């Protein structure tokens, strides 16, 4: 499998991801409603937060361990929340979200719920999914504009080559490289 084939598969996967993000955002905009949720029972205890603080960002050996839903410097938690639905009815649900590792998560935050089934909630609203779709399209554009040509010719695009160190130059910081690439000296 060549690099061109891999990049073509990456574009196809990113486009499928973009379609999912657009569908999710459209569904949330069309049917779901926002509400302010109050945490009744938190999913990230004080002992777990202290453990994460002392482990300096490493998950190995902590009480919570590693979870595939954790991000860089983030923890996936599930809180039991209470909120008032559009019809005035008080509802409770379990909602998952990522919070900053070792920090006390907020006890009040915005959720989106399905009015047909108020037990279905998410902490990630339509703007989040719209942003994810835009980022996916940006990656598709970058691969299409520079990546495919790079794979075909074997040479990086000129703007990327200008950022790289040459053997005769000493290593430079990224800002010095960008300044040299865009300056008109």
N, C-alpha and C. Protein backbone atom coordinates (compact mmCIF):
# COMPACT_ATOMS: atom_id res chain seq x y z
N UNK A 1 0.85 -1.18 0.00
CA UNK A 1 0.00 0.00 0.00
C UNK A 1 0.90 1.24 0.00
N UNK A 2 0.67 2.12 -0.92
CA UNK A 2 1.51 3.30 -1.05
C UNK A 2 0.98 4.43 -0.17
N UNK A 3 1.80 5.47 -0.05
CA UNK A 3 1.40 6.64 0.74
C UNK A 3 0.18 7.30 0.13
N UNK A 4 0.08 7.29 -1.18
CA UNK A 4 -1.07 7.88 -1.85
C UNK A 4 -2.36 7.13 -1.50
N UNK A 5 -2.26 5.80 -1.42
CA UNK A 5 -3.42 5.00 -1.03
C UNK A 5 -3.84 5.30 0.40
N UNK A 6 -2.85 5.43 1.29
CA UNK A 6 -3.17 5.74 2.69
C UNK A 6 -3.83 7.11 2.83
N UNK A 7 -3.32 8.08 2.09
CA UNK A 7 -3.92 9.41 2.16
C UNK A 7 -5.34 9.42 1.58
N UNK A 8 -5.56 8.63 0.54
CA UNK A 8 -6.91 8.53 -0.03
C UNK A 8 -7.85 7.89 0.99
N UNK A 9 -7.40 6.86 1.70
CA UNK A 9 -8.22 6.27 2.77
C UNK A 9 -8.47 7.25 3.90
N UNK A 10 -7.46 8.06 4.22
CA UNK A 10 -7.62 9.07 5.28
C UNK A 10 -8.68 10.09 4.88
N UNK A 11 -8.67 10.51 3.62
CA UNK A 11 -9.68 11.47 3.16
C UNK A 11 -11.07 10.85 3.25
N UNK A 12 -11.20 9.59 2.85
CA UNK A 12 -12.51 8.92 2.92
C UNK A 12 -12.98 8.81 4.37
N UNK A 13 -12.08 8.45 5.28
CA UNK A 13 -12.45 8.33 6.69
C UNK A 13 -12.83 9.69 7.27
N UNK A 14 -12.07 10.72 6.94
CA UNK A 14 -12.39 12.06 7.43
C UNK A 14 -13.73 12.55 6.88
N UNK A 15 -14.03 12.23 5.64
CA UNK A 15 -15.32 12.64 5.07
C UNK A 15 -16.48 11.91 5.77
N UNK A 16 -16.30 10.63 6.08
CA UNK A 16 -17.32 9.91 6.85
C UNK A 16 -17.49 10.54 8.23
N UNK A 17 -16.37 10.88 8.87
CA UNK A 17 -16.43 11.55 10.16
C UNK A 17 -17.13 12.90 10.07
N UNK A 18 -16.86 13.62 9.00
CA UNK A 18 -17.51 14.92 8.79
C UNK A 18 -19.01 14.74 8.63
N UNK A 19 -19.40 13.73 7.87
CA UNK A 19 -20.85 13.46 7.70
C UNK A 19 -21.50 13.14 9.04
N UNK A 20 -20.83 12.35 9.88
CA UNK A 20 -21.36 12.03 11.21
C UNK A 20 -21.51 13.31 12.04
N UNK A 21 -20.50 14.16 12.03
CA UNK A 21 -20.54 15.39 12.82
C UNK A 21 -21.66 16.32 12.34
N UNK A 22 -21.82 16.45 11.03
CA UNK A 22 -22.88 17.29 10.49
C UNK A 22 -24.24 16.73 10.86
N UNK A 23 -24.39 15.40 10.75
CA UNK A 23 -25.67 14.77 11.11
C UNK A 23 -25.98 14.99 12.60
N UNK A 24 -24.97 14.82 13.44
CA UNK A 24 -25.18 15.00 14.89
C UNK A 24 -25.54 16.44 15.21
N UNK A 25 -24.85 17.40 14.61
CA UNK A 25 -25.17 18.82 14.84
C UNK A 25 -26.57 19.16 14.35
N UNK A 26 -26.94 18.66 13.17
CA UNK A 26 -28.28 18.94 12.64
C UNK A 26 -29.36 18.34 13.52
N UNK A 27 -29.14 17.13 14.02
CA UNK A 27 -30.11 16.49 14.92
C UNK A 27 -30.26 17.29 16.20
N UNK A 28 -29.15 17.73 16.78
CA UNK A 28 -29.22 18.49 18.02
C UNK A 28 -29.89 19.84 17.80
N UNK A 29 -29.56 20.52 16.69
CA UNK A 29 -30.21 21.80 16.40
C UNK A 29 -31.71 21.63 16.18
N UNK A 30 -32.10 20.56 15.51
CA UNK A 30 -33.50 20.39 15.11
C UNK A 30 -34.41 19.95 16.25
N UNK A 31 -33.98 18.96 17.03
CA UNK A 31 -34.90 18.35 17.99
C UNK A 31 -34.53 18.53 19.45
N UNK A 32 -33.29 18.59 19.77
CA UNK A 32 -32.89 18.61 21.16
C UNK A 32 -32.95 20.03 21.72
N UNK A 33 -33.04 20.15 23.03
CA UNK A 33 -33.16 21.44 23.70
C UNK A 33 -32.05 21.59 24.75
N UNK A 34 -31.57 22.83 24.94
CA UNK A 34 -30.56 23.05 25.98
C UNK A 34 -31.22 23.21 27.34
N UNK A 35 -30.48 22.88 28.37
CA UNK A 35 -30.95 23.07 29.75
C UNK A 35 -29.72 23.25 30.64
N UNK A 36 -29.94 23.87 31.77
CA UNK A 36 -28.89 24.04 32.77
C UNK A 36 -29.00 22.86 33.75
N UNK A 37 -27.90 22.12 33.86
CA UNK A 37 -27.88 20.94 34.71
C UNK A 37 -27.09 21.20 35.98
N UNK A 38 -27.59 20.67 37.08
CA UNK A 38 -26.90 20.75 38.36
C UNK A 38 -26.46 19.34 38.74
N UNK A 39 -25.19 19.19 39.09
CA UNK A 39 -24.65 17.87 39.43
C UNK A 39 -25.19 17.45 40.79
N UNK A 40 -25.84 16.30 40.82
CA UNK A 40 -26.36 15.74 42.07
C UNK A 40 -25.34 14.76 42.69
N UNK A 41 -24.72 13.98 41.83
CA UNK A 41 -23.70 13.02 42.27
C UNK A 41 -22.59 13.03 41.23
N UNK A 42 -21.41 13.46 41.66
CA UNK A 42 -20.28 13.61 40.74
C UNK A 42 -19.57 12.30 40.48
N UNK A 43 -18.94 12.22 39.32
CA UNK A 43 -18.22 11.02 38.94
C UNK A 43 -16.71 11.16 39.07
N UNK A 44 -16.24 12.18 39.78
CA UNK A 44 -14.81 12.41 39.92
C UNK A 44 -14.57 12.86 41.35
N UNK A 45 -14.24 11.92 42.22
CA UNK A 45 -14.13 12.20 43.65
C UNK A 45 -12.88 13.01 43.97
N UNK A 46 -12.88 13.56 45.17
CA UNK A 46 -11.74 14.35 45.64
C UNK A 46 -10.48 13.49 45.69
N UNK A 47 -10.61 12.24 46.11
CA UNK A 47 -9.44 11.34 46.18
C UNK A 47 -8.89 11.07 44.78
N UNK A 48 -9.76 10.89 43.80
CA UNK A 48 -9.30 10.67 42.43
C UNK A 48 -8.61 11.91 41.86
N UNK A 49 -9.13 13.08 42.17
CA UNK A 49 -8.50 14.32 41.69
C UNK A 49 -7.12 14.50 42.31
N UNK A 50 -7.00 14.24 43.62
CA UNK A 50 -5.70 14.35 44.28
C UNK A 50 -4.72 13.33 43.72
N UNK A 51 -5.21 12.13 43.48
CA UNK A 51 -4.38 11.07 42.89
C UNK A 51 -3.88 11.49 41.51
N UNK A 52 -4.75 12.10 40.70
CA UNK A 52 -4.34 12.58 39.38
C UNK A 52 -3.34 13.72 39.49
N UNK A 53 -3.49 14.59 40.49
CA UNK A 53 -2.56 15.69 40.68
C UNK A 53 -1.17 15.16 41.04
N UNK A 54 -1.12 14.19 41.92
CA UNK A 54 0.16 13.66 42.37
C UNK A 54 0.82 12.78 41.31
N UNK A 55 0.06 12.25 40.37
CA UNK A 55 0.64 11.37 39.35
C UNK A 55 1.22 12.15 38.19
N UNK A 56 1.09 13.48 38.20
CA UNK A 56 1.65 14.37 37.18
C UNK A 56 1.17 14.01 35.76
N UNK A 57 -0.09 13.67 35.63
CA UNK A 57 -0.67 13.44 34.31
C UNK A 57 -0.58 12.01 33.81
N UNK A 58 0.11 11.13 34.52
CA UNK A 58 0.21 9.73 34.10
C UNK A 58 -0.96 8.95 34.68
N UNK A 59 -1.58 8.11 33.89
CA UNK A 59 -2.72 7.34 34.36
C UNK A 59 -2.32 6.04 35.05
N UNK A 60 -1.12 5.53 34.72
CA UNK A 60 -0.66 4.27 35.27
C UNK A 60 -0.47 4.38 36.79
N UNK A 61 -1.09 3.49 37.53
CA UNK A 61 -0.94 3.47 38.97
C UNK A 61 -1.92 4.36 39.72
N UNK A 62 -2.83 5.03 39.04
CA UNK A 62 -3.82 5.86 39.72
C UNK A 62 -5.06 5.04 40.04
N UNK A 63 -5.90 5.57 40.91
CA UNK A 63 -7.15 4.89 41.27
C UNK A 63 -8.03 4.65 40.05
N UNK A 64 -8.12 5.65 39.20
CA UNK A 64 -8.99 5.55 38.02
C UNK A 64 -8.36 4.74 36.90
N UNK A 65 -7.03 4.72 36.85
CA UNK A 65 -6.37 4.01 35.77
C UNK A 65 -6.57 4.72 34.44
N UNK A 66 -6.40 3.96 33.36
CA UNK A 66 -6.51 4.51 32.02
C UNK A 66 -7.87 4.17 31.44
N UNK A 67 -8.47 5.12 30.74
CA UNK A 67 -9.74 4.91 30.04
C UNK A 67 -9.56 5.46 28.64
N UNK A 68 -10.01 4.74 27.64
CA UNK A 68 -9.81 5.18 26.25
C UNK A 68 -10.52 6.49 25.95
N UNK A 69 -11.49 6.87 26.78
CA UNK A 69 -12.20 8.13 26.57
C UNK A 69 -11.48 9.33 27.20
N UNK A 70 -10.42 9.08 27.98
CA UNK A 70 -9.62 10.17 28.54
C UNK A 70 -8.86 10.86 27.42
N UNK A 71 -8.70 12.17 27.52
CA UNK A 71 -7.92 12.92 26.54
C UNK A 71 -6.61 13.35 27.15
N UNK A 72 -5.85 14.11 26.39
CA UNK A 72 -4.58 14.64 26.88
C UNK A 72 -4.87 15.65 27.99
N UNK A 73 -4.53 15.31 29.22
CA UNK A 73 -4.80 16.19 30.35
C UNK A 73 -6.27 16.23 30.74
N UNK A 74 -7.06 15.27 30.27
CA UNK A 74 -8.50 15.24 30.54
C UNK A 74 -8.89 13.89 31.15
N UNK A 75 -10.02 13.89 31.82
CA UNK A 75 -10.62 12.67 32.35
C UNK A 75 -12.07 12.61 31.92
N UNK A 76 -12.53 11.43 31.54
CA UNK A 76 -13.93 11.22 31.22
C UNK A 76 -14.65 10.90 32.53
N UNK A 77 -15.69 11.67 32.82
CA UNK A 77 -16.48 11.40 34.03
C UNK A 77 -17.95 11.30 33.65
N UNK A 78 -18.70 10.64 34.50
CA UNK A 78 -20.14 10.53 34.32
C UNK A 78 -20.79 11.04 35.60
N UNK A 79 -21.59 12.10 35.45
CA UNK A 79 -22.27 12.73 36.57
C UNK A 79 -23.77 12.44 36.51
N UNK A 80 -24.37 12.33 37.67
CA UNK A 80 -25.83 12.31 37.72
C UNK A 80 -26.27 13.76 37.89
N UNK A 81 -27.11 14.23 36.96
CA UNK A 81 -27.51 15.63 36.96
C UNK A 81 -29.03 15.74 37.07
N UNK A 82 -29.46 16.90 37.56
CA UNK A 82 -30.88 17.25 37.60
C UNK A 82 -31.06 18.51 36.77
N UNK A 83 -32.15 18.54 36.00
CA UNK A 83 -32.43 19.72 35.18
C UNK A 83 -33.93 19.83 34.99
N UNK A 84 -34.35 21.01 34.58
CA UNK A 84 -35.77 21.25 34.32
C UNK A 84 -36.00 21.22 32.82
N UNK A 85 -36.90 20.35 32.39
CA UNK A 85 -37.21 20.22 30.97
C UNK A 85 -38.05 21.41 30.52
N UNK A 86 -38.24 21.50 29.21
CA UNK A 86 -38.97 22.61 28.60
C UNK A 86 -40.40 22.73 29.14
N UNK A 87 -41.02 21.58 29.45
CA UNK A 87 -42.39 21.58 29.95
C UNK A 87 -42.48 21.85 31.45
N UNK A 88 -41.35 22.13 32.11
CA UNK A 88 -41.34 22.44 33.53
C UNK A 88 -41.14 21.23 34.43
N UNK A 89 -41.06 20.06 33.85
CA UNK A 89 -40.88 18.83 34.61
C UNK A 89 -39.42 18.68 35.04
N UNK A 90 -39.19 18.30 36.27
CA UNK A 90 -37.84 18.09 36.78
C UNK A 90 -37.37 16.70 36.36
N UNK A 91 -36.17 16.62 35.81
CA UNK A 91 -35.64 15.36 35.29
C UNK A 91 -34.26 15.09 35.86
N UNK A 92 -33.89 13.82 35.87
CA UNK A 92 -32.55 13.39 36.28
C UNK A 92 -32.00 12.49 35.19
N UNK A 93 -30.69 12.56 35.00
CA UNK A 93 -30.05 11.73 33.98
C UNK A 93 -28.57 11.59 34.30
N UNK A 94 -27.93 10.63 33.65
CA UNK A 94 -26.49 10.45 33.74
C UNK A 94 -25.90 11.04 32.45
N UNK A 95 -24.92 11.93 32.61
CA UNK A 95 -24.28 12.56 31.45
C UNK A 95 -22.77 12.42 31.57
N UNK A 96 -22.14 12.05 30.45
CA UNK A 96 -20.69 11.93 30.41
C UNK A 96 -20.07 13.16 29.79
N UNK A 97 -18.89 13.51 30.29
CA UNK A 97 -18.16 14.66 29.76
C UNK A 97 -16.69 14.53 30.13
N UNK A 98 -15.85 15.28 29.43
CA UNK A 98 -14.44 15.33 29.77
C UNK A 98 -14.18 16.57 30.62
N UNK A 99 -13.39 16.39 31.66
CA UNK A 99 -13.01 17.50 32.52
C UNK A 99 -11.49 17.53 32.62
N UNK A 100 -10.96 18.66 33.02
CA UNK A 100 -9.51 18.81 33.17
C UNK A 100 -9.04 17.96 34.34
N UNK A 101 -7.99 17.19 34.08
CA UNK A 101 -7.45 16.26 35.08
C UNK A 101 -6.99 17.03 36.32
N UNK A 102 -7.37 16.53 37.49
CA UNK A 102 -6.98 17.04 38.81
C UNK A 102 -7.70 18.32 39.22
N UNK A 103 -8.55 18.89 38.37
CA UNK A 103 -9.30 20.09 38.72
C UNK A 103 -10.69 19.71 39.15
N UNK A 104 -11.27 20.51 40.04
CA UNK A 104 -12.64 20.26 40.47
C UNK A 104 -13.58 20.67 39.33
N UNK A 105 -14.38 19.72 38.81
CA UNK A 105 -15.28 20.07 37.71
C UNK A 105 -16.42 20.97 38.18
N UNK A 106 -16.95 21.74 37.25
CA UNK A 106 -18.05 22.64 37.61
C UNK A 106 -19.27 21.82 37.99
N UNK A 107 -20.04 22.35 38.93
CA UNK A 107 -21.22 21.62 39.39
C UNK A 107 -22.48 22.07 38.66
N UNK A 108 -22.36 23.08 37.81
CA UNK A 108 -23.48 23.54 36.98
C UNK A 108 -22.94 23.74 35.57
N UNK A 109 -23.58 23.12 34.60
CA UNK A 109 -23.15 23.27 33.22
C UNK A 109 -24.33 23.04 32.28
N UNK A 110 -24.14 23.37 31.01
CA UNK A 110 -25.21 23.23 30.02
C UNK A 110 -25.20 21.83 29.43
N UNK A 111 -26.39 21.28 29.30
CA UNK A 111 -26.56 20.00 28.63
C UNK A 111 -27.58 20.18 27.51
N UNK A 112 -27.67 19.19 26.66
CA UNK A 112 -28.70 19.13 25.62
C UNK A 112 -29.46 17.84 25.86
N UNK A 113 -30.80 17.91 25.85
CA UNK A 113 -31.62 16.73 26.10
C UNK A 113 -32.65 16.58 25.00
N UNK A 114 -33.12 15.34 24.84
CA UNK A 114 -34.14 15.02 23.85
C UNK A 114 -35.51 15.19 24.52
N UNK A 115 -36.36 16.11 24.06
CA UNK A 115 -37.67 16.31 24.70
C UNK A 115 -38.55 15.07 24.67
N UNK A 116 -38.38 14.22 23.67
CA UNK A 116 -39.17 12.99 23.60
C UNK A 116 -38.72 11.98 24.66
N UNK A 117 -37.47 12.03 25.07
CA UNK A 117 -36.93 11.15 26.09
C UNK A 117 -35.91 11.93 26.90
N UNK A 118 -36.35 12.66 27.96
CA UNK A 118 -35.44 13.52 28.72
C UNK A 118 -34.28 12.78 29.40
N UNK A 119 -34.32 11.46 29.42
CA UNK A 119 -33.20 10.69 29.97
C UNK A 119 -32.01 10.66 29.04
N UNK A 120 -32.21 10.99 27.77
CA UNK A 120 -31.12 11.04 26.79
C UNK A 120 -30.53 12.45 26.80
N UNK A 121 -29.33 12.57 27.33
CA UNK A 121 -28.68 13.87 27.44
C UNK A 121 -27.25 13.79 26.92
N UNK A 122 -26.71 14.94 26.56
CA UNK A 122 -25.31 15.03 26.16
C UNK A 122 -24.75 16.37 26.62
N UNK A 123 -23.48 16.36 26.95
CA UNK A 123 -22.81 17.60 27.34
C UNK A 123 -22.22 18.31 26.12
N UNK A 124 -22.23 17.63 24.96
CA UNK A 124 -21.65 18.18 23.74
C UNK A 124 -22.78 18.58 22.80
N UNK A 125 -22.97 19.89 22.66
CA UNK A 125 -24.07 20.42 21.88
C UNK A 125 -23.75 20.56 20.41
N UNK A 126 -24.66 21.18 19.67
CA UNK A 126 -24.50 21.28 18.22
C UNK A 126 -23.31 22.14 17.79
N UNK A 127 -22.91 23.12 18.58
CA UNK A 127 -21.76 23.94 18.21
C UNK A 127 -20.47 23.14 18.29
N UNK A 128 -20.39 22.25 19.25
CA UNK A 128 -19.23 21.37 19.36
C UNK A 128 -19.11 20.51 18.11
N UNK A 129 -20.23 19.90 17.70
CA UNK A 129 -20.21 19.01 16.54
C UNK A 129 -19.98 19.80 15.25
N UNK A 130 -20.47 21.03 15.19
CA UNK A 130 -20.20 21.88 14.02
C UNK A 130 -18.71 22.20 13.92
N UNK A 131 -18.08 22.49 15.05
CA UNK A 131 -16.65 22.76 15.07
C UNK A 131 -15.85 21.52 14.66
N UNK A 132 -16.26 20.35 15.14
CA UNK A 132 -15.58 19.10 14.76
C UNK A 132 -15.71 18.86 13.25
N UNK A 133 -16.88 19.15 12.67
CA UNK A 133 -17.07 19.00 11.23
C UNK A 133 -16.16 19.96 10.47
N UNK A 134 -16.06 21.20 10.93
CA UNK A 134 -15.20 22.18 10.26
C UNK A 134 -13.73 21.77 10.35
N UNK A 135 -13.31 21.26 11.49
CA UNK A 135 -11.93 20.81 11.64
C UNK A 135 -11.65 19.62 10.72
N UNK A 136 -12.60 18.69 10.62
CA UNK A 136 -12.42 17.55 9.72
C UNK A 136 -12.30 17.99 8.28
N UNK A 137 -13.12 18.95 7.89
CA UNK A 137 -13.02 19.48 6.53
C UNK A 137 -11.69 20.19 6.30
N UNK A 138 -11.18 20.85 7.33
CA UNK A 138 -9.87 21.48 7.24
C UNK A 138 -8.77 20.46 7.01
N UNK A 139 -8.84 19.33 7.72
CA UNK A 139 -7.85 18.27 7.51
C UNK A 139 -7.97 17.68 6.11
N UNK A 140 -9.20 17.50 5.63
CA UNK A 140 -9.40 17.00 4.27
C UNK A 140 -8.77 17.97 3.26
N UNK A 141 -9.01 19.26 3.46
CA UNK A 141 -8.44 20.26 2.54
C UNK A 141 -6.91 20.23 2.58
N UNK A 142 -6.34 20.13 3.78
CA UNK A 142 -4.87 20.12 3.90
C UNK A 142 -4.29 18.89 3.20
N UNK A 143 -4.93 17.75 3.39
CA UNK A 143 -4.44 16.53 2.74
C UNK A 143 -4.58 16.65 1.23
N UNK A 144 -5.71 17.17 0.79
CA UNK A 144 -5.94 17.29 -0.66
C UNK A 144 -4.99 18.28 -1.30
N UNK A 145 -4.71 19.39 -0.62
CA UNK A 145 -3.88 20.44 -1.22
C UNK A 145 -2.40 20.08 -1.16
N UNK A 146 -1.91 19.61 0.01
CA UNK A 146 -0.48 19.38 0.17
C UNK A 146 -0.11 17.90 0.26
N UNK A 147 -0.90 17.13 0.98
CA UNK A 147 -0.52 15.75 1.24
C UNK A 147 -0.47 14.88 0.01
N UNK A 148 -1.48 14.95 -0.85
CA UNK A 148 -1.49 14.10 -2.04
C UNK A 148 -0.34 14.47 -2.98
N UNK A 149 -0.08 15.75 -3.13
CA UNK A 149 1.03 16.18 -3.98
C UNK A 149 2.37 15.74 -3.39
N UNK A 150 2.51 15.81 -2.08
CA UNK A 150 3.72 15.38 -1.40
C UNK A 150 3.93 13.88 -1.62
N UNK A 151 2.85 13.09 -1.48
CA UNK A 151 2.96 11.65 -1.68
C UNK A 151 3.30 11.31 -3.13
N UNK A 152 2.77 12.08 -4.06
CA UNK A 152 2.99 11.81 -5.48
C UNK A 152 4.42 12.17 -5.90
N UNK A 153 4.90 13.34 -5.46
CA UNK A 153 6.22 13.83 -5.90
C UNK A 153 7.36 13.40 -4.98
N UNK A 154 7.06 13.15 -3.72
CA UNK A 154 8.10 12.80 -2.76
C UNK A 154 8.78 14.01 -2.14
N UNK A 155 8.37 15.22 -2.54
CA UNK A 155 8.97 16.44 -2.00
C UNK A 155 7.92 17.20 -1.19
N UNK A 156 8.29 17.69 0.00
CA UNK A 156 7.31 18.44 0.79
C UNK A 156 6.95 19.76 0.12
N UNK A 157 5.81 20.34 0.48
CA UNK A 157 5.45 21.63 -0.10
C UNK A 157 6.49 22.69 0.28
N UNK A 158 6.65 23.72 -0.55
CA UNK A 158 7.70 24.73 -0.29
C UNK A 158 7.60 25.40 1.08
N UNK A 159 6.38 25.69 1.55
CA UNK A 159 6.25 26.36 2.84
C UNK A 159 6.72 25.47 3.98
N UNK A 160 6.55 24.15 3.84
CA UNK A 160 7.00 23.23 4.88
C UNK A 160 8.52 23.05 4.80
N UNK A 161 9.05 23.01 3.60
CA UNK A 161 10.50 22.89 3.43
C UNK A 161 11.21 24.12 3.98
N UNK A 162 10.57 25.29 3.88
CA UNK A 162 11.18 26.52 4.41
C UNK A 162 11.25 26.49 5.93
N UNK A 163 10.38 25.74 6.58
CA UNK A 163 10.39 25.66 8.04
C UNK A 163 11.44 24.69 8.56
N UNK A 164 11.90 23.78 7.72
CA UNK A 164 12.83 22.74 8.16
C UNK A 164 14.25 23.29 8.29
N UNK A 165 15.01 22.71 9.20
CA UNK A 165 16.42 23.08 9.34
C UNK A 165 17.21 22.48 8.18
N UNK A 166 18.17 23.23 7.70
CA UNK A 166 19.10 22.68 6.71
C UNK A 166 20.36 22.26 7.44
N UNK A 167 21.13 21.34 6.87
CA UNK A 167 22.33 20.86 7.59
C UNK A 167 23.33 21.96 7.93
N UNK A 168 23.39 23.02 7.13
CA UNK A 168 24.37 24.08 7.41
C UNK A 168 23.88 25.07 8.46
N UNK A 169 22.56 25.12 8.71
CA UNK A 169 22.01 26.06 9.69
C UNK A 169 21.91 25.41 11.06
N UNK A 170 22.15 26.19 12.11
CA UNK A 170 21.92 25.65 13.45
C UNK A 170 20.41 25.51 13.68
N UNK A 171 20.00 24.65 14.60
CA UNK A 171 18.57 24.51 14.89
C UNK A 171 17.97 25.84 15.35
N UNK A 172 16.77 26.12 14.89
CA UNK A 172 16.07 27.37 15.23
C UNK A 172 14.73 27.04 15.88
N UNK A 173 14.19 28.03 16.57
CA UNK A 173 12.87 27.85 17.14
C UNK A 173 11.82 27.93 16.04
N UNK A 174 10.64 27.44 16.33
CA UNK A 174 9.57 27.47 15.34
C UNK A 174 9.25 28.89 14.92
N UNK A 175 9.26 29.83 15.87
CA UNK A 175 8.91 31.21 15.55
C UNK A 175 9.93 31.84 14.61
N UNK A 176 11.21 31.50 14.82
CA UNK A 176 12.25 31.99 13.91
C UNK A 176 12.06 31.42 12.51
N UNK A 177 11.67 30.16 12.44
CA UNK A 177 11.44 29.53 11.13
C UNK A 177 10.27 30.17 10.42
N UNK A 178 9.18 30.40 11.12
CA UNK A 178 8.00 31.02 10.52
C UNK A 178 8.33 32.44 10.08
N UNK A 179 9.06 33.18 10.93
CA UNK A 179 9.44 34.55 10.58
C UNK A 179 10.28 34.58 9.31
N UNK A 180 11.22 33.65 9.19
CA UNK A 180 12.06 33.61 8.00
C UNK A 180 11.24 33.20 6.77
N UNK A 181 10.28 32.28 6.94
CA UNK A 181 9.47 31.81 5.81
C UNK A 181 8.54 32.90 5.27
N UNK A 182 8.05 33.78 6.14
CA UNK A 182 7.09 34.78 5.69
C UNK A 182 7.70 36.17 5.50
N UNK A 183 8.95 36.36 5.92
CA UNK A 183 9.54 37.70 5.78
C UNK A 183 9.90 37.96 4.31
N UNK A 184 9.98 39.23 3.99
CA UNK A 184 10.28 39.63 2.61
C UNK A 184 11.66 40.28 2.53
N UNK A 185 12.61 39.72 3.22
CA UNK A 185 13.97 40.26 3.26
C UNK A 185 14.72 39.85 2.03
